[in-house]
Amino acid sequence: MITFILGAIAMADLIAALFFLRFWKKTRDRFFLFFSAAFMVDMANRALLAFLQVQVENEPLLYLMRLVTFGLILIAILDKNSRKK
């Protein structure tokens, strides 16, 4: 059951990444590109969790991927707020 839920979350991450990628293509705003990349990394993290069937989520690789995900979101927000209009 957990594998099914992780697969569903990975699919939702892919849909969100494609959604933000579509807005990036229209606007060429880096904010959407960073968010798309963040959701792609999160999708890979969930897929690894499902395929490797890790019982404990405290693997360093999984934490590193989450750090990259949240780092990309933070960079997107900081980049958007620091740009001059």
N, C-alpha and C. Protein backbone atom coordinates (compact mmCIF):
# COMPACT_ATOMS: atom_id res chain seq x y z
N MET A 1 0.82 -1.19 0.00
CA MET A 1 0.00 0.00 0.00
C MET A 1 0.86 1.26 0.00
N ILE A 2 1.96 1.23 0.75
CA ILE A 2 2.84 2.40 0.82
C ILE A 2 3.46 2.67 -0.55
N THR A 3 3.82 1.62 -1.27
CA THR A 3 4.39 1.79 -2.60
C THR A 3 3.40 2.46 -3.55
N PHE A 4 2.15 2.10 -3.45
CA PHE A 4 1.11 2.71 -4.27
C PHE A 4 0.98 4.20 -3.97
N ILE A 5 0.98 4.55 -2.68
CA ILE A 5 0.86 5.96 -2.28
C ILE A 5 2.08 6.75 -2.73
N LEU A 6 3.27 6.17 -2.59
CA LEU A 6 4.47 6.86 -3.06
C LEU A 6 4.44 7.06 -4.57
N GLY A 7 3.92 6.10 -5.29
CA GLY A 7 3.77 6.25 -6.74
C GLY A 7 2.78 7.35 -7.10
N ALA A 8 1.70 7.44 -6.34
CA ALA A 8 0.71 8.49 -6.59
C ALA A 8 1.30 9.86 -6.30
N ILE A 9 2.10 9.97 -5.24
CA ILE A 9 2.73 11.24 -4.92
C ILE A 9 3.76 11.60 -5.99
N ALA A 10 4.50 10.62 -6.47
CA ALA A 10 5.48 10.87 -7.54
C ALA A 10 4.77 11.34 -8.81
N MET A 11 3.62 10.77 -9.11
CA MET A 11 2.86 11.19 -10.28
C MET A 11 2.35 12.62 -10.10
N ALA A 12 1.89 12.95 -8.91
CA ALA A 12 1.43 14.31 -8.63
C ALA A 12 2.58 15.30 -8.74
N ASP A 13 3.77 14.91 -8.29
CA ASP A 13 4.95 15.77 -8.44
C ASP A 13 5.28 15.99 -9.91
N LEU A 14 5.16 14.96 -10.72
CA LEU A 14 5.42 15.10 -12.15
C LEU A 14 4.43 16.05 -12.80
N ILE A 15 3.17 15.93 -12.43
CA ILE A 15 2.14 16.82 -12.98
C ILE A 15 2.42 18.26 -12.57
N ALA A 16 2.79 18.48 -11.31
CA ALA A 16 3.11 19.83 -10.86
C ALA A 16 4.34 20.37 -11.58
N ALA A 17 5.34 19.53 -11.80
CA ALA A 17 6.55 19.97 -12.51
C ALA A 17 6.21 20.37 -13.94
N LEU A 18 5.39 19.59 -14.61
CA LEU A 18 4.99 19.93 -15.98
C LEU A 18 4.13 21.18 -16.02
N PHE A 19 3.31 21.37 -15.01
CA PHE A 19 2.48 22.56 -14.89
C PHE A 19 3.36 23.81 -14.81
N PHE A 20 4.36 23.79 -13.91
CA PHE A 20 5.25 24.94 -13.76
C PHE A 20 6.13 25.12 -15.00
N LEU A 21 6.49 24.03 -15.63
CA LEU A 21 7.29 24.13 -16.85
C LEU A 21 6.51 24.81 -17.98
N ARG A 22 5.22 24.53 -18.04
CA ARG A 22 4.38 25.18 -19.04
C ARG A 22 4.33 26.69 -18.81
N PHE A 23 4.20 27.12 -17.54
CA PHE A 23 4.19 28.55 -17.25
C PHE A 23 5.55 29.18 -17.52
N TRP A 24 6.62 28.43 -17.29
CA TRP A 24 7.95 28.97 -17.60
C TRP A 24 8.09 29.20 -19.10
N LYS A 25 7.58 28.28 -19.92
CA LYS A 25 7.65 28.45 -21.37
C LYS A 25 6.90 29.69 -21.83
N LYS A 26 5.77 29.98 -21.17
CA LYS A 26 4.98 31.16 -21.55
C LYS A 26 5.63 32.46 -21.09
N THR A 27 6.15 32.48 -19.85
CA THR A 27 6.61 33.74 -19.26
C THR A 27 8.12 33.90 -19.25
N ARG A 28 8.85 32.80 -19.35
CA ARG A 28 10.32 32.80 -19.22
C ARG A 28 10.77 33.37 -17.87
N ASP A 29 9.93 33.20 -16.85
CA ASP A 29 10.25 33.63 -15.50
C ASP A 29 10.96 32.47 -14.79
N ARG A 30 12.16 32.74 -14.27
CA ARG A 30 12.96 31.69 -13.63
C ARG A 30 12.27 31.08 -12.42
N PHE A 31 11.37 31.81 -11.81
CA PHE A 31 10.63 31.31 -10.65
C PHE A 31 9.95 29.98 -10.97
N PHE A 32 9.28 29.93 -12.11
CA PHE A 32 8.58 28.71 -12.51
C PHE A 32 9.56 27.59 -12.86
N LEU A 33 10.70 27.94 -13.42
CA LEU A 33 11.71 26.93 -13.75
C LEU A 33 12.28 26.29 -12.48
N PHE A 34 12.56 27.11 -11.47
CA PHE A 34 13.06 26.57 -10.21
C PHE A 34 12.02 25.67 -9.54
N PHE A 35 10.77 26.07 -9.57
CA PHE A 35 9.73 25.24 -8.97
C PHE A 35 9.56 23.93 -9.73
N SER A 36 9.65 23.99 -11.04
CA SER A 36 9.56 22.77 -11.84
C SER A 36 10.70 21.81 -11.49
N ALA A 37 11.90 22.35 -11.37
CA ALA A 37 13.05 21.52 -11.00
C ALA A 37 12.88 20.93 -9.60
N ALA A 38 12.34 21.72 -8.69
CA ALA A 38 12.13 21.23 -7.32
C ALA A 38 11.15 20.05 -7.30
N PHE A 39 10.09 20.16 -8.07
CA PHE A 39 9.12 19.06 -8.11
C PHE A 39 9.69 17.84 -8.82
N MET A 40 10.58 18.04 -9.79
CA MET A 40 11.22 16.90 -10.44
C MET A 40 12.14 16.15 -9.47
N VAL A 41 12.88 16.90 -8.67
CA VAL A 41 13.75 16.26 -7.68
C VAL A 41 12.91 15.53 -6.64
N ASP A 42 11.81 16.13 -6.22
CA ASP A 42 10.93 15.46 -5.26
C ASP A 42 10.31 14.20 -5.86
N MET A 43 9.98 14.26 -7.14
CA MET A 43 9.45 13.07 -7.82
C MET A 43 10.48 11.94 -7.81
N ALA A 44 11.73 12.29 -8.10
CA ALA A 44 12.78 11.28 -8.08
C ALA A 44 12.97 10.71 -6.68
N ASN A 45 12.84 11.56 -5.68
CA ASN A 45 12.97 11.10 -4.29
C ASN A 45 11.87 10.10 -3.96
N ARG A 46 10.63 10.42 -4.32
CA ARG A 46 9.50 9.50 -4.04
C ARG A 46 9.65 8.20 -4.83
N ALA A 47 10.11 8.30 -6.06
CA ALA A 47 10.29 7.09 -6.87
C ALA A 47 11.37 6.20 -6.27
N LEU A 48 12.46 6.81 -5.81
CA LEU A 48 13.50 6.02 -5.15
C LEU A 48 12.97 5.34 -3.89
N LEU A 49 12.17 6.06 -3.13
CA LEU A 49 11.57 5.46 -1.94
C LEU A 49 10.71 4.26 -2.31
N ALA A 50 9.96 4.38 -3.38
CA ALA A 50 9.07 3.29 -3.79
C ALA A 50 9.85 2.10 -4.34
N PHE A 51 10.83 2.37 -5.21
CA PHE A 51 11.56 1.27 -5.85
C PHE A 51 12.53 0.57 -4.91
N LEU A 52 13.20 1.34 -4.07
CA LEU A 52 14.16 0.74 -3.14
C LEU A 52 13.48 0.13 -1.93
N GLN A 53 12.24 0.52 -1.69
CA GLN A 53 11.46 0.05 -0.55
C GLN A 53 12.26 0.19 0.74
N VAL A 54 12.72 1.40 0.97
CA VAL A 54 13.48 1.71 2.17
C VAL A 54 12.52 1.72 3.35
N GLN A 55 12.85 1.00 4.38
CA GLN A 55 11.99 0.93 5.56
C GLN A 55 12.16 2.17 6.44
N VAL A 56 13.39 2.66 6.50
CA VAL A 56 13.68 3.84 7.31
C VAL A 56 14.09 4.96 6.37
N GLU A 57 13.47 6.12 6.53
CA GLU A 57 13.70 7.22 5.60
C GLU A 57 14.90 8.08 5.98
N ASN A 58 15.74 7.62 6.88
CA ASN A 58 16.87 8.45 7.28
C ASN A 58 18.15 8.14 6.50
N GLU A 59 17.99 7.74 5.26
CA GLU A 59 19.13 7.52 4.37
C GLU A 59 19.68 8.87 3.96
N PRO A 60 21.00 9.04 3.94
CA PRO A 60 21.59 10.33 3.56
C PRO A 60 21.20 10.80 2.17
N LEU A 61 21.09 9.89 1.21
CA LEU A 61 20.72 10.29 -0.15
C LEU A 61 19.33 10.91 -0.18
N LEU A 62 18.40 10.33 0.56
CA LEU A 62 17.03 10.85 0.57
C LEU A 62 16.97 12.22 1.23
N TYR A 63 17.74 12.40 2.31
CA TYR A 63 17.77 13.72 2.94
C TYR A 63 18.43 14.74 2.03
N LEU A 64 19.46 14.34 1.30
CA LEU A 64 20.12 15.26 0.38
C LEU A 64 19.17 15.70 -0.72
N MET A 65 18.37 14.77 -1.22
CA MET A 65 17.41 15.12 -2.26
C MET A 65 16.35 16.08 -1.72
N ARG A 66 15.92 15.88 -0.49
CA ARG A 66 14.95 16.81 0.10
C ARG A 66 15.57 18.18 0.32
N LEU A 67 16.84 18.18 0.70
CA LEU A 67 17.55 19.45 0.89
C LEU A 67 17.63 20.21 -0.44
N VAL A 68 17.91 19.50 -1.52
CA VAL A 68 17.96 20.13 -2.85
C VAL A 68 16.58 20.66 -3.22
N THR A 69 15.53 19.89 -2.94
CA THR A 69 14.16 20.32 -3.26
C THR A 69 13.82 21.63 -2.57
N PHE A 70 14.01 21.65 -1.25
CA PHE A 70 13.65 22.86 -0.51
C PHE A 70 14.62 24.00 -0.79
N GLY A 71 15.86 23.67 -1.12
CA GLY A 71 16.81 24.70 -1.51
C GLY A 71 16.40 25.38 -2.81
N LEU A 72 15.92 24.61 -3.77
CA LEU A 72 15.45 25.18 -5.03
C LEU A 72 14.24 26.09 -4.81
N ILE A 73 13.35 25.69 -3.93
CA ILE A 73 12.19 26.54 -3.63
C ILE A 73 12.64 27.83 -2.97
N LEU A 74 13.58 27.73 -2.04
CA LEU A 74 14.10 28.92 -1.36
C LEU A 74 14.81 29.84 -2.35
N ILE A 75 15.60 29.27 -3.23
CA ILE A 75 16.30 30.07 -4.25
C ILE A 75 15.29 30.76 -5.16
N ALA A 76 14.22 30.06 -5.53
CA ALA A 76 13.19 30.66 -6.39
C ALA A 76 12.56 31.87 -5.73
N ILE A 77 12.24 31.73 -4.46
CA ILE A 77 11.60 32.83 -3.74
C ILE A 77 12.56 34.00 -3.57
N LEU A 78 13.79 33.71 -3.18
CA LEU A 78 14.77 34.78 -3.01
C LEU A 78 15.08 35.46 -4.33
N ASP A 79 15.20 34.70 -5.40
CA ASP A 79 15.48 35.27 -6.71
C ASP A 79 14.33 36.16 -7.17
N LYS A 80 13.12 35.73 -6.95
CA LYS A 80 11.95 36.51 -7.37
C LYS A 80 11.86 37.82 -6.59
N ASN A 81 12.17 37.78 -5.29
CA ASN A 81 12.06 38.97 -4.47
C ASN A 81 13.25 39.92 -4.62
N SER A 82 14.37 39.44 -5.09
CA SER A 82 15.55 40.30 -5.18
C SER A 82 15.70 40.98 -6.53
N ARG A 83 14.99 40.50 -7.54
CA ARG A 83 15.10 41.11 -8.87
C ARG A 83 14.44 42.49 -8.87
N LYS A 84 15.12 43.42 -9.51
CA LYS A 84 14.55 44.76 -9.64
C LYS A 84 13.63 44.81 -10.83
N LYS A 85 12.60 45.58 -10.71
CA LYS A 85 11.61 45.66 -11.78
C LYS A 85 11.91 46.80 -12.71
